[in-house]
PDB file of N, CA and C in Angstrom:
ATOM      1  N   UNK A   1       0.859  -1.177   0.000  1.00  0.00           N
ATOM      2  CA  UNK A   1       0.000   0.000   0.000  1.00  0.00           C
ATOM      3  C   UNK A   1       0.894   1.226   0.000  1.00  0.00           C
ATOM      4  N   UNK A   2       0.531   2.164  -0.818  1.00  0.00           N
ATOM      5  CA  UNK A   2       1.344   3.346  -0.944  1.00  0.00           C
ATOM      6  C   UNK A   2       0.454   4.554  -1.137  1.00  0.00           C
ATOM      7  N   UNK A   3       0.681   5.595  -0.369  1.00  0.00           N
ATOM      8  CA  UNK A   3      -0.095   6.822  -0.535  1.00  0.00           C
ATOM      9  C   UNK A   3      -1.569   6.643  -0.183  1.00  0.00           C
ATOM     10  N   UNK A   4      -1.894   5.680   0.701  1.00  0.00           N
ATOM     11  CA  UNK A   4      -3.269   5.490   1.121  1.00  0.00           C
ATOM     12  C   UNK A   4      -4.115   4.690   0.153  1.00  0.00           C
ATOM     13  N   UNK A   5      -3.521   4.148  -0.896  1.00  0.00           N
ATOM     14  CA  UNK A   5      -4.275   3.354  -1.858  1.00  0.00           C
ATOM     15  C   UNK A   5      -3.875   1.891  -1.747  1.00  0.00           C
ATOM     16  N   UNK A   6      -4.827   1.007  -1.962  1.00  0.00           N
ATOM     17  CA  UNK A   6      -4.516  -0.421  -1.944  1.00  0.00           C
ATOM     18  C   UNK A   6      -4.321  -0.905  -3.359  1.00  0.00           C
ATOM     19  N   UNK A   7      -3.491  -1.924  -3.492  1.00  0.00           N
ATOM     20  CA  UNK A   7      -3.235  -2.489  -4.804  1.00  0.00           C
ATOM     21  C   UNK A   7      -4.091  -3.738  -4.964  1.00  0.00           C
ATOM     22  N   UNK A   8      -4.829  -3.832  -6.038  1.00  0.00           N
ATOM     23  CA  UNK A   8      -5.702  -4.969  -6.293  1.00  0.00           C
ATOM     24  C   UNK A   8      -4.961  -6.026  -7.093  1.00  0.00           C
ATOM     25  N   UNK A   9      -5.312  -7.289  -6.829  1.00  0.00           N
ATOM     26  CA  UNK A   9      -4.656  -8.379  -7.543  1.00  0.00           C
ATOM     27  C   UNK A   9      -5.359  -8.729  -8.849  1.00  0.00           C
ATOM     28  N   UNK A  10      -6.624  -8.345  -8.993  1.00  0.00           N
ATOM     29  CA  UNK A  10      -7.352  -8.632 -10.232  1.00  0.00           C
ATOM     30  C   UNK A  10      -7.944  -7.345 -10.776  1.00  0.00           C
ATOM     31  N   UNK A  11      -8.063  -7.297 -12.066  1.00  0.00           N
ATOM     32  CA  UNK A  11      -8.627  -6.106 -12.692  1.00  0.00           C
ATOM     33  C   UNK A  11     -10.082  -6.351 -13.031  1.00  0.00           C
ATOM     34  N   UNK A  12     -10.884  -5.302 -12.966  1.00  0.00           N
ATOM     35  CA  UNK A  12     -12.310  -5.406 -13.282  1.00  0.00           C
ATOM     36  C   UNK A  12     -12.553  -5.654 -14.763  1.00  0.00           C
ATOM     37  N   UNK A  13     -11.608  -5.260 -15.593  1.00  0.00           N
ATOM     38  CA  UNK A  13     -11.816  -5.396 -17.032  1.00  0.00           C
ATOM     39  C   UNK A  13     -11.150  -6.655 -17.602  1.00  0.00           C
ATOM     40  N   UNK A  14     -10.841  -7.633 -16.738  1.00  0.00           N
ATOM     41  CA  UNK A  14     -10.220  -8.870 -17.193  1.00  0.00           C
ATOM     42  C   UNK A  14     -11.196  -9.641 -18.072  1.00  0.00           C
ATOM     43  N   UNK A  15     -10.719 -10.092 -19.217  1.00  0.00           N
ATOM     44  CA  UNK A  15     -11.537 -10.866 -20.145  1.00  0.00           C
ATOM     45  C   UNK A  15     -10.841 -12.206 -20.354  1.00  0.00           C
ATOM     46  N   UNK A  16     -11.605 -13.299 -20.157  1.00  0.00           N
ATOM     47  CA  UNK A  16     -11.055 -14.639 -20.325  1.00  0.00           C
ATOM     48  C   UNK A  16     -11.436 -15.185 -21.691  1.00  0.00           C
ATOM     49  N   UNK A  17     -10.667 -16.160 -22.174  1.00  0.00           N
ATOM     50  CA  UNK A  17     -11.001 -16.829 -23.427  1.00  0.00           C
ATOM     51  C   UNK A  17     -12.369 -17.477 -23.323  1.00  0.00           C
ATOM     52  N   UNK A  18     -13.009 -17.684 -24.461  1.00  0.00           N
ATOM     53  CA  UNK A  18     -14.359 -18.240 -24.503  1.00  0.00           C
ATOM     54  C   UNK A  18     -14.458 -19.580 -23.770  1.00  0.00           C
ATOM     55  N   UNK A  19     -13.447 -20.417 -23.848  1.00  0.00           N
ATOM     56  CA  UNK A  19     -13.481 -21.753 -23.247  1.00  0.00           C
ATOM     57  C   UNK A  19     -12.830 -21.810 -21.861  1.00  0.00           C
ATOM     58  N   UNK A  20     -12.464 -20.704 -21.306  1.00  0.00           N
ATOM     59  CA  UNK A  20     -11.810 -20.677 -19.987  1.00  0.00           C
ATOM     60  C   UNK A  20     -12.802 -21.095 -18.898  1.00  0.00           C
ATOM     61  N   UNK A  21     -12.378 -21.956 -17.982  1.00  0.00           N
ATOM     62  CA  UNK A  21     -13.270 -22.471 -16.929  1.00  0.00           C
ATOM     63  C   UNK A  21     -13.808 -21.368 -16.014  1.00  0.00           C
ATOM     64  N   UNK A  22     -13.130 -20.250 -15.936  1.00  0.00           N
ATOM     65  CA  UNK A  22     -13.596 -19.163 -15.069  1.00  0.00           C
ATOM     66  C   UNK A  22     -14.861 -18.483 -15.596  1.00  0.00           C
ATOM     67  N   UNK A  23     -15.234 -18.770 -16.823  1.00  0.00           N
ATOM     68  CA  UNK A  23     -16.477 -18.245 -17.382  1.00  0.00           C
ATOM     69  C   UNK A  23     -17.678 -19.117 -17.026  1.00  0.00           C
ATOM     70  N   UNK A  24     -17.451 -20.317 -16.513  1.00  0.00           N
ATOM     71  CA  UNK A  24     -18.531 -21.260 -16.215  1.00  0.00           C
ATOM     72  C   UNK A  24     -19.207 -20.853 -14.908  1.00  0.00           C
ATOM     73  N   UNK A  25     -20.514 -20.687 -14.955  1.00  0.00           N
ATOM     74  CA  UNK A  25     -21.265 -20.322 -13.756  1.00  0.00           C
ATOM     75  C   UNK A  25     -22.166 -21.446 -13.291  1.00  0.00           C
ATOM     76  N   UNK A  26     -22.792 -22.175 -14.203  1.00  0.00           N
ATOM     77  CA  UNK A  26     -23.741 -23.221 -13.855  1.00  0.00           C
ATOM     78  C   UNK A  26     -23.392 -24.471 -14.650  1.00  0.00           C
ATOM     79  N   UNK A  27     -22.940 -25.485 -13.945  1.00  0.00           N
ATOM     80  CA  UNK A  27     -22.524 -26.712 -14.595  1.00  0.00           C
ATOM     81  C   UNK A  27     -23.596 -27.776 -14.368  1.00  0.00           C
ATOM     82  N   UNK A  28     -24.110 -28.348 -15.427  1.00  0.00           N
ATOM     83  CA  UNK A  28     -25.083 -29.447 -15.375  1.00  0.00           C
ATOM     84  C   UNK A  28     -26.341 -29.100 -14.582  1.00  0.00           C
ATOM     85  N   UNK A  29     -26.750 -27.879 -14.556  1.00  0.00           N
ATOM     86  CA  UNK A  29     -27.993 -27.515 -13.866  1.00  0.00           C
ATOM     87  C   UNK A  29     -28.487 -26.166 -14.379  1.00  0.00           C
ATOM     88  N   UNK A  30     -29.767 -25.926 -14.125  1.00  0.00           N
ATOM     89  CA  UNK A  30     -30.354 -24.650 -14.505  1.00  0.00           C
ATOM     90  C   UNK A  30     -30.030 -23.594 -13.461  1.00  0.00           C
ATOM     91  N   UNK A  31     -30.051 -22.382 -13.878  1.00  0.00           N
ATOM     92  CA  UNK A  31     -29.861 -21.270 -12.958  1.00  0.00           C
ATOM     93  C   UNK A  31     -31.095 -21.179 -12.051  1.00  0.00           C
ATOM     94  N   UNK A  32     -30.875 -21.127 -10.738  1.00  0.00           N
ATOM     95  CA  UNK A  32     -31.972 -21.021  -9.789  1.00  0.00           C
ATOM     96  C   UNK A  32     -32.250 -19.564  -9.490  1.00  0.00           C
ATOM     97  N   UNK A  33     -33.502 -19.193  -9.601  1.00  0.00           N
ATOM     98  CA  UNK A  33     -33.890 -17.809  -9.358  1.00  0.00           C
ATOM     99  C   UNK A  33     -34.955 -17.794  -8.278  1.00  0.00           C
ATOM    100  N   UNK A  34     -34.760 -17.008  -7.253  1.00  0.00           N
ATOM    101  CA  UNK A  34     -35.756 -16.858  -6.199  1.00  0.00           C
ATOM    102  C   UNK A  34     -36.736 -15.774  -6.633  1.00  0.00           C
ATOM    103  N   UNK A  35     -38.016 -16.118  -6.805  1.00  0.00           N
ATOM    104  CA  UNK A  35     -38.994 -15.137  -7.282  1.00  0.00           C
ATOM    105  C   UNK A  35     -39.435 -14.146  -6.204  1.00  0.00           C
ATOM    106  N   UNK A  36     -39.051 -14.390  -4.954  1.00  0.00           N
ATOM    107  CA  UNK A  36     -39.481 -13.523  -3.856  1.00  0.00           C
ATOM    108  C   UNK A  36     -38.544 -12.327  -3.701  1.00  0.00           C
ATOM    109  N   UNK A  37     -39.130 -11.177  -3.492  1.00  0.00           N
ATOM    110  CA  UNK A  37     -38.372  -9.967  -3.217  1.00  0.00           C
ATOM    111  C   UNK A  37     -38.425  -9.717  -1.720  1.00  0.00           C
ATOM    112  N   UNK A  38     -37.309  -9.361  -1.111  1.00  0.00           N
ATOM    113  CA  UNK A  38     -37.246  -9.170   0.336  1.00  0.00           C
ATOM    114  C   UNK A  38     -38.259  -8.133   0.810  1.00  0.00           C
ATOM    115  N   UNK A  39     -38.424  -7.052   0.070  1.00  0.00           N
ATOM    116  CA  UNK A  39     -39.344  -5.993   0.503  1.00  0.00           C
ATOM    117  C   UNK A  39     -40.784  -6.500   0.539  1.00  0.00           C
ATOM    118  N   UNK A  40     -41.134  -7.425  -0.366  1.00  0.00           N
ATOM    119  CA  UNK A  40     -42.477  -7.998  -0.359  1.00  0.00           C
ATOM    120  C   UNK A  40     -42.659  -8.957   0.813  1.00  0.00           C
ATOM    121  N   UNK A  41     -41.626  -9.727   1.128  1.00  0.00           N
ATOM    122  CA  UNK A  41     -41.692 -10.641   2.267  1.00  0.00           C
ATOM    123  C   UNK A  41     -41.815  -9.879   3.577  1.00  0.00           C
ATOM    124  N   UNK A  42     -41.094  -8.769   3.710  1.00  0.00           N
ATOM    125  CA  UNK A  42     -41.176  -7.943   4.918  1.00  0.00           C
ATOM    126  C   UNK A  42     -42.568  -7.336   5.040  1.00  0.00           C
ATOM    127  N   UNK A  43     -43.147  -6.894   3.929  1.00  0.00           N
ATOM    128  CA  UNK A  43     -44.484  -6.295   3.964  1.00  0.00           C
ATOM    129  C   UNK A  43     -45.535  -7.302   4.432  1.00  0.00           C
ATOM    130  N   UNK A  44     -45.337  -8.590   4.146  1.00  0.00           N
ATOM    131  CA  UNK A  44     -46.275  -9.630   4.563  1.00  0.00           C
ATOM    132  C   UNK A  44     -46.155  -9.958   6.049  1.00  0.00           C
ATOM    133  N   UNK A  45     -45.052  -9.590   6.664  1.00  0.00           N
ATOM    134  CA  UNK A  45     -44.806  -9.888   8.076  1.00  0.00           C
ATOM    135  C   UNK A  45     -45.820  -9.139   8.942  1.00  0.00           C
ATOM    136  N   UNK A  46     -46.470  -9.804   9.904  1.00  0.00           N
ATOM    137  CA  UNK A  46     -47.450  -9.099  10.740  1.00  0.00           C
ATOM    138  C   UNK A  46     -46.787  -8.081  11.660  1.00  0.00           C
ATOM    139  N   UNK A  47     -47.522  -7.024  11.965  1.00  0.00           N
ATOM    140  CA  UNK A  47     -47.019  -6.008  12.886  1.00  0.00           C
ATOM    141  C   UNK A  47     -47.057  -6.589  14.303  1.00  0.00           C
ATOM    142  N   UNK A  48     -46.071  -6.210  15.112  1.00  0.00           N
ATOM    143  CA  UNK A  48     -45.997  -6.680  16.495  1.00  0.00           C
ATOM    144  C   UNK A  48     -46.657  -5.625  17.386  1.00  0.00           C
ATOM    145  N   UNK A  49     -47.721  -6.025  18.087  1.00  0.00           N
ATOM    146  CA  UNK A  49     -48.463  -5.112  18.953  1.00  0.00           C
ATOM    147  C   UNK A  49     -47.875  -5.199  20.358  1.00  0.00           C
ATOM    148  N   UNK A  50     -47.554  -4.033  20.911  1.00  0.00           N
ATOM    149  CA  UNK A  50     -46.814  -3.943  22.167  1.00  0.00           C
ATOM    150  C   UNK A  50     -47.591  -3.130  23.190  1.00  0.00           C
ATOM    151  N   UNK A  51     -47.488  -3.512  24.469  1.00  0.00           N
ATOM    152  CA  UNK A  51     -48.132  -2.778  25.558  1.00  0.00           C
ATOM    153  C   UNK A  51     -47.229  -1.724  26.176  1.00  0.00           C
ATOM    154  N   UNK A  52     -46.038  -1.528  25.641  1.00  0.00           N
ATOM    155  CA  UNK A  52     -45.053  -0.593  26.200  1.00  0.00           C
ATOM    156  C   UNK A  52     -44.793   0.552  25.221  1.00  0.00           C
ATOM    157  N   UNK A  53     -44.066   1.546  25.693  1.00  0.00           N
ATOM    158  CA  UNK A  53     -43.731   2.685  24.828  1.00  0.00           C
ATOM    159  C   UNK A  53     -42.418   2.477  24.085  1.00  0.00           C
ATOM    160  N   UNK A  54     -41.723   1.372  24.368  1.00  0.00           N
ATOM    161  CA  UNK A  54     -40.497   1.058  23.643  1.00  0.00           C
ATOM    162  C   UNK A  54     -40.279  -0.460  23.670  1.00  0.00           C
ATOM    163  N   UNK A  55     -39.575  -0.959  22.679  1.00  0.00           N
ATOM    164  CA  UNK A  55     -39.274  -2.384  22.563  1.00  0.00           C
ATOM    165  C   UNK A  55     -37.871  -2.539  22.004  1.00  0.00           C
ATOM    166  N   UNK A  56     -37.415  -3.762  21.960  1.00  0.00           N
ATOM    167  CA  UNK A  56     -36.174  -4.047  21.252  1.00  0.00           C
ATOM    168  C   UNK A  56     -36.418  -5.080  20.175  1.00  0.00           C
ATOM    169  N   UNK A  57     -35.663  -4.976  19.113  1.00  0.00           N
ATOM    170  CA  UNK A  57     -35.693  -5.934  18.014  1.00  0.00           C
ATOM    171  C   UNK A  57     -34.324  -6.589  17.961  1.00  0.00           C
ATOM    172  N   UNK A  58     -34.328  -7.897  17.843  1.00  0.00           N
ATOM    173  CA  UNK A  58     -33.077  -8.643  17.820  1.00  0.00           C
ATOM    174  C   UNK A  58     -33.355  -9.957  17.136  1.00  0.00           C
ATOM    175  N   UNK A  59     -32.737 -10.215  16.013  1.00  0.00           N
ATOM    176  CA  UNK A  59     -33.044 -11.450  15.297  1.00  0.00           C
ATOM    177  C   UNK A  59     -32.347 -12.662  15.879  1.00  0.00           C
ATOM    178  N   UNK A  60     -31.535 -12.469  16.904  1.00  0.00           N
ATOM    179  CA  UNK A  60     -30.899 -13.567  17.647  1.00  0.00           C
ATOM    180  C   UNK A  60     -30.069 -14.469  16.750  1.00  0.00           C
ATOM    181  N   UNK A  61     -29.463 -15.450  17.379  1.00  0.00           N
ATOM    182  CA  UNK A  61     -28.669 -16.427  16.645  1.00  0.00           C
ATOM    183  C   UNK A  61     -27.351 -15.863  16.159  1.00  0.00           C
ATOM    184  N   UNK A  62     -26.532 -16.747  15.660  1.00  0.00           N
ATOM    185  CA  UNK A  62     -25.189 -16.364  15.207  1.00  0.00           C
ATOM    186  C   UNK A  62     -25.218 -15.396  14.030  1.00  0.00           C
ATOM    187  N   UNK A  63     -26.250 -15.476  13.200  1.00  0.00           N
ATOM    188  CA  UNK A  63     -26.328 -14.610  12.025  1.00  0.00           C
ATOM    189  C   UNK A  63     -27.328 -13.473  12.212  1.00  0.00           C
ATOM    190  N   UNK A  64     -27.739 -13.237  13.442  1.00  0.00           N
ATOM    191  CA  UNK A  64     -28.717 -12.198  13.724  1.00  0.00           C
ATOM    192  C   UNK A  64     -28.112 -10.811  13.681  1.00  0.00           C
ATOM    193  N   UNK A  65     -28.956  -9.813  13.968  1.00  0.00           N
ATOM    194  CA  UNK A  65     -28.474  -8.439  14.000  1.00  0.00           C
ATOM    195  C   UNK A  65     -28.398  -7.973  15.449  1.00  0.00           C
ATOM    196  N   UNK A  66     -27.712  -6.867  15.705  1.00  0.00           N
ATOM    197  CA  UNK A  66     -27.605  -6.360  17.071  1.00  0.00           C
ATOM    198  C   UNK A  66     -28.964  -5.932  17.625  1.00  0.00           C
ATOM    199  N   UNK A  67     -29.056  -5.888  18.929  1.00  0.00           N
ATOM    200  CA  UNK A  67     -30.287  -5.452  19.584  1.00  0.00           C
ATOM    201  C   UNK A  67     -30.508  -3.972  19.283  1.00  0.00           C
ATOM    202  N   UNK A  68     -31.718  -3.656  18.807  1.00  0.00           N
ATOM    203  CA  UNK A  68     -32.074  -2.287  18.441  1.00  0.00           C
ATOM    204  C   UNK A  68     -33.279  -1.883  19.272  1.00  0.00           C
ATOM    205  N   UNK A  69     -33.191  -0.750  19.958  1.00  0.00           N
ATOM    206  CA  UNK A  69     -34.315  -0.248  20.749  1.00  0.00           C
ATOM    207  C   UNK A  69     -35.154   0.683  19.883  1.00  0.00           C
ATOM    208  N   UNK A  70     -36.476   0.504  19.947  1.00  0.00           N
ATOM    209  CA  UNK A  70     -37.392   1.271  19.100  1.00  0.00           C
ATOM    210  C   UNK A  70     -38.395   1.987  19.986  1.00  0.00           C
ATOM    211  N   UNK A  71     -38.485   3.308  19.815  1.00  0.00           N
ATOM    212  CA  UNK A  71     -39.408   4.141  20.577  1.00  0.00           C
ATOM    213  C   UNK A  71     -40.772   4.111  19.893  1.00  0.00           C
ATOM    214  N   UNK A  72     -41.818   3.835  20.684  1.00  0.00           N
ATOM    215  CA  UNK A  72     -43.175   3.731  20.129  1.00  0.00           C
ATOM    216  C   UNK A  72     -44.117   4.761  20.736  1.00  0.00           C
ATOM    217  N   UNK A  73     -43.599   5.923  21.135  1.00  0.00           N
ATOM    218  CA  UNK A  73     -44.428   6.963  21.743  1.00  0.00           C
ATOM    219  C   UNK A  73     -45.417   7.584  20.758  1.00  0.00           C
ATOM    220  N   UNK A  74     -45.058   7.629  19.488  1.00  0.00           N
ATOM    221  CA  UNK A  74     -45.917   8.262  18.487  1.00  0.00           C
ATOM    222  C   UNK A  74     -46.934   7.264  17.947  1.00  0.00           C
ATOM    223  N   UNK A  75     -48.071   7.746  17.454  1.00  0.00           N
ATOM    224  CA  UNK A  75     -49.114   6.849  16.910  1.00  0.00           C
ATOM    225  C   UNK A  75     -48.780   6.359  15.501  1.00  0.00           C
ATOM    226  N   UNK A  76     -47.636   5.732  15.377  1.00  0.00           N
ATOM    227  CA  UNK A  76     -47.211   5.213  14.085  1.00  0.00           C
ATOM    228  C   UNK A  76     -46.411   3.943  14.292  1.00  0.00           C
ATOM    229  N   UNK A  77     -46.184   3.235  13.224  1.00  0.00           N
ATOM    230  CA  UNK A  77     -45.425   1.992  13.273  1.00  0.00           C
ATOM    231  C   UNK A  77     -43.937   2.315  13.385  1.00  0.00           C
ATOM    232  N   UNK A  78     -43.252   1.650  14.318  1.00  0.00           N
ATOM    233  CA  UNK A  78     -41.807   1.738  14.422  1.00  0.00           C
ATOM    234  C   UNK A  78     -41.197   0.552  13.693  1.00  0.00           C
ATOM    235  N   UNK A  79     -40.190   0.800  12.894  1.00  0.00           N
ATOM    236  CA  UNK A  79     -39.617  -0.255  12.064  1.00  0.00           C
ATOM    237  C   UNK A  79     -38.150  -0.466  12.424  1.00  0.00           C
ATOM    238  N   UNK A  80     -37.756  -1.730  12.565  1.00  0.00           N
ATOM    239  CA  UNK A  80     -36.351  -2.064  12.805  1.00  0.00           C
ATOM    240  C   UNK A  80     -35.576  -1.831  11.519  1.00  0.00           C
ATOM    241  N   UNK A  81     -34.506  -1.078  11.612  1.00  0.00           N
ATOM    242  CA  UNK A  81     -33.686  -0.777  10.442  1.00  0.00           C
ATOM    243  C   UNK A  81     -32.920  -1.972   9.899  1.00  0.00           C
ATOM    244  N   UNK A  82     -32.731  -3.001  10.703  1.00  0.00           N
ATOM    245  CA  UNK A  82     -32.029  -4.198  10.248  1.00  0.00           C
ATOM    246  C   UNK A  82     -32.966  -5.221   9.622  1.00  0.00           C
ATOM    247  N   UNK A  83     -33.998  -5.608  10.361  1.00  0.00           N
ATOM    248  CA  UNK A  83     -34.858  -6.711   9.922  1.00  0.00           C
ATOM    249  C   UNK A  83     -36.118  -6.257   9.209  1.00  0.00           C
ATOM    250  N   UNK A  84     -36.499  -4.995   9.363  1.00  0.00           N
ATOM    251  CA  UNK A  84     -37.741  -4.507   8.775  1.00  0.00           C
ATOM    252  C   UNK A  84     -38.958  -4.871   9.602  1.00  0.00           C
ATOM    253  N   UNK A  85     -38.751  -5.498  10.766  1.00  0.00           N
ATOM    254  CA  UNK A  85     -39.875  -5.887  11.628  1.00  0.00           C
ATOM    255  C   UNK A  85     -40.602  -4.647  12.106  1.00  0.00           C
ATOM    256  N   UNK A  86     -41.947  -4.700  12.123  1.00  0.00           N
ATOM    257  CA  UNK A  86     -42.775  -3.538  12.447  1.00  0.00           C
ATOM    258  C   UNK A  86     -43.365  -3.696  13.852  1.00  0.00           C
ATOM    259  N   UNK A  87     -43.373  -2.604  14.607  1.00  0.00           N
ATOM    260  CA  UNK A  87     -43.902  -2.584  15.971  1.00  0.00           C
ATOM    261  C   UNK A  87     -44.828  -1.387  16.138  1.00  0.00           C
ATOM    262  N   UNK A  88     -45.861  -1.542  16.989  1.00  0.00           N
ATOM    263  CA  UNK A  88     -46.755  -0.424  17.300  1.00  0.00           C
ATOM    264  C   UNK A  88     -47.346  -0.648  18.690  1.00  0.00           C
ATOM    265  N   UNK A  89     -47.604   0.455  19.385  1.00  0.00           N
ATOM    266  CA  UNK A  89     -48.272   0.360  20.684  1.00  0.00           C
ATOM    267  C   UNK A  89     -49.708  -0.098  20.492  1.00  0.00           C
ATOM    268  N   UNK A  90     -50.186  -0.885  21.449  1.00  0.00           N
ATOM    269  CA  UNK A  90     -51.536  -1.441  21.368  1.00  0.00           C
ATOM    270  C   UNK A  90     -52.594  -0.354  21.221  1.00  0.00           C
ATOM    271  N   UNK A  91     -52.430   0.765  21.927  1.00  0.00           N
ATOM    272  CA  UNK A  91     -53.447   1.822  21.871  1.00  0.00           C
ATOM    273  C   UNK A  91     -53.521   2.503  20.503  1.00  0.00           C
ATOM    274  N   UNK A  92     -52.498   2.362  19.672  1.00  0.00           N
ATOM    275  CA  UNK A  92     -52.489   2.963  18.338  1.00  0.00           C
ATOM    276  C   UNK A  92     -52.818   1.960  17.229  1.00  0.00           C
ATOM    277  N   UNK A  93     -52.907   0.689  17.571  1.00  0.00           N
ATOM    278  CA  UNK A  93     -53.097  -0.352  16.561  1.00  0.00           C
ATOM    279  C   UNK A  93     -54.541  -0.400  16.056  1.00  0.00           C
ATOM    280  N   UNK A  94     -54.679  -0.455  14.733  1.00  0.00           N
ATOM    281  CA  UNK A  94     -55.978  -0.613  14.076  1.00  0.00           C
ATOM    282  C   UNK A  94     -55.795  -1.663  12.983  1.00  0.00           C
ATOM    283  N   UNK A  95     -56.470  -2.783  13.115  1.00  0.00           N
ATOM    284  CA  UNK A  95     -56.287  -3.889  12.173  1.00  0.00           C
ATOM    285  C   UNK A  95     -56.586  -3.485  10.730  1.00  0.00           C
ATOM    286  N   UNK A  96     -57.563  -2.615  10.524  1.00  0.00           N
ATOM    287  CA  UNK A  96     -57.914  -2.178   9.162  1.00  0.00           C
ATOM    288  C   UNK A  96     -56.772  -1.388   8.518  1.00  0.00           C
ATOM    289  N   UNK A  97     -56.050  -0.635   9.335  1.00  0.00           N
ATOM    290  CA  UNK A  97     -54.954   0.197   8.833  1.00  0.00           C
ATOM    291  C   UNK A  97     -53.635  -0.575   8.790  1.00  0.00           C
ATOM    292  N   UNK A  98     -53.327  -1.325   9.859  1.00  0.00           N
ATOM    293  CA  UNK A  98     -52.015  -1.946  10.024  1.00  0.00           C
ATOM    294  C   UNK A  98     -51.946  -3.420   9.629  1.00  0.00           C
ATOM    295  N   UNK A  99     -53.090  -4.030   9.356  1.00  0.00           N
ATOM    296  CA  UNK A  99     -53.093  -5.424   8.933  1.00  0.00           C
ATOM    297  C   UNK A  99     -52.973  -6.392  10.096  1.00  0.00           C
ATOM    298  N   UNK A 100     -52.666  -7.662   9.785  1.00  0.00           N
ATOM    299  CA  UNK A 100     -52.589  -8.683  10.831  1.00  0.00           C
ATOM    300  C   UNK A 100     -51.481  -8.378  11.835  1.00  0.00           C
ATOM    301  N   UNK A 101     -51.630  -8.971  13.035  1.00  0.00           N
ATOM    302  CA  UNK A 101     -50.658  -8.682  14.088  1.00  0.00           C
ATOM    303  C   UNK A 101     -50.344  -9.922  14.903  1.00  0.00           C
ATOM    304  N   UNK A 102     -49.262  -9.814  15.651  1.00  0.00           N
ATOM    305  CA  UNK A 102     -48.929 -10.787  16.686  1.00  0.00           C
ATOM    306  C   UNK A 102     -48.579  -9.990  17.936  1.00  0.00           C
ATOM    307  N   UNK A 103     -48.606 -10.647  19.074  1.00  0.00           N
ATOM    308  CA  UNK A 103     -48.246  -9.964  20.314  1.00  0.00           C
ATOM    309  C   UNK A 103     -46.732  -9.920  20.454  1.00  0.00           C
ATOM    310  N   UNK A 104     -46.275  -9.039  21.333  1.00  0.00           N
ATOM    311  CA  UNK A 104     -44.836  -8.947  21.597  1.00  0.00           C
ATOM    312  C   UNK A 104     -44.333 -10.250  22.209  1.00  0.00           C
ATOM    313  N   UNK A 105     -45.156 -10.907  23.004  1.00  0.00           N
ATOM    314  CA  UNK A 105     -44.779 -12.188  23.602  1.00  0.00           C
ATOM    315  C   UNK A 105     -44.582 -13.250  22.518  1.00  0.00           C
ATOM    316  N   UNK A 106     -45.455 -13.255  21.504  1.00  0.00           N
ATOM    317  CA  UNK A 106     -45.288 -14.194  20.390  1.00  0.00           C
ATOM    318  C   UNK A 106     -43.999 -13.887  19.616  1.00  0.00           C
ATOM    319  N   UNK A 107     -43.722 -12.611  19.457  1.00  0.00           N
ATOM    320  CA  UNK A 107     -42.487 -12.199  18.786  1.00  0.00           C
ATOM    321  C   UNK A 107     -41.271 -12.707  19.553  1.00  0.00           C
ATOM    322  N   UNK A 108     -41.273 -12.507  20.892  1.00  0.00           N
ATOM    323  CA  UNK A 108     -40.143 -12.962  21.705  1.00  0.00           C
ATOM    324  C   UNK A 108     -39.982 -14.474  21.629  1.00  0.00           C
ATOM    325  N   UNK A 109     -41.083 -15.198  21.576  1.00  0.00           N
ATOM    326  CA  UNK A 109     -41.010 -16.659  21.445  1.00  0.00           C
ATOM    327  C   UNK A 109     -40.396 -17.044  20.100  1.00  0.00           C
ATOM    328  N   UNK A 110     -40.752 -16.331  19.043  1.00  0.00           N
ATOM    329  CA  UNK A 110     -40.144 -16.579  17.732  1.00  0.00           C
ATOM    330  C   UNK A 110     -38.636 -16.355  17.797  1.00  0.00           C
ATOM    331  N   UNK A 111     -38.215 -15.308  18.493  1.00  0.00           N
ATOM    332  CA  UNK A 111     -36.790 -15.005  18.593  1.00  0.00           C
ATOM    333  C   UNK A 111     -36.068 -16.065  19.425  1.00  0.00           C
ATOM    334  N   UNK A 112     -36.699 -16.578  20.459  1.00  0.00           N
ATOM    335  CA  UNK A 112     -36.090 -17.668  21.238  1.00  0.00           C
ATOM    336  C   UNK A 112     -35.946 -18.910  20.354  1.00  0.00           C
ATOM    337  N   UNK A 113     -36.930 -19.130  19.500  1.00  0.00           N
ATOM    338  CA  UNK A 113     -36.870 -20.269  18.593  1.00  0.00           C
ATOM    339  C   UNK A 113     -35.720 -20.174  17.611  1.00  0.00           C
ATOM    340  N   UNK A 114     -35.380 -18.940  17.190  1.00  0.00           N
ATOM    341  CA  UNK A 114     -34.276 -18.738  16.258  1.00  0.00           C
ATOM    342  C   UNK A 114     -32.932 -19.097  16.878  1.00  0.00           C
ATOM    343  N   UNK A 115     -32.796 -18.891  18.191  1.00  0.00           N
ATOM    344  CA  UNK A 115     -31.488 -19.067  18.823  1.00  0.00           C
ATOM    345  C   UNK A 115     -31.302 -20.444  19.425  1.00  0.00           C
ATOM    346  N   UNK A 116     -32.293 -21.312  19.325  1.00  0.00           N
ATOM    347  CA  UNK A 116     -32.153 -22.659  19.887  1.00  0.00           C
ATOM    348  C   UNK A 116     -31.342 -23.553  19.004  1.00  0.00           C
TER     349      UNK A 116
END
């Protein structure tokens, strides 16, 4: 490293011969495509109804995200910036507006299940 710049071992514009093995992506199988979009899956997730003015979100487990505290003082849905999980205080929850829900206790049980 010199002058604050790192030296790369491969170039972005490298072009291999047509028959070079490094061009092979899928051998003896079709390309698998997941038709689900993460934003659509998150939107389907039920809102977590809470009896407190604040909660924490934590996806637990080795691949989880850090514990995030979410303030629910306002009459709106609080969203975890990592997982997209939605939370709202019980007094502000309206099923017609916010859709299906689960309790905070059910949410915590789901998180315990992830870390087992």
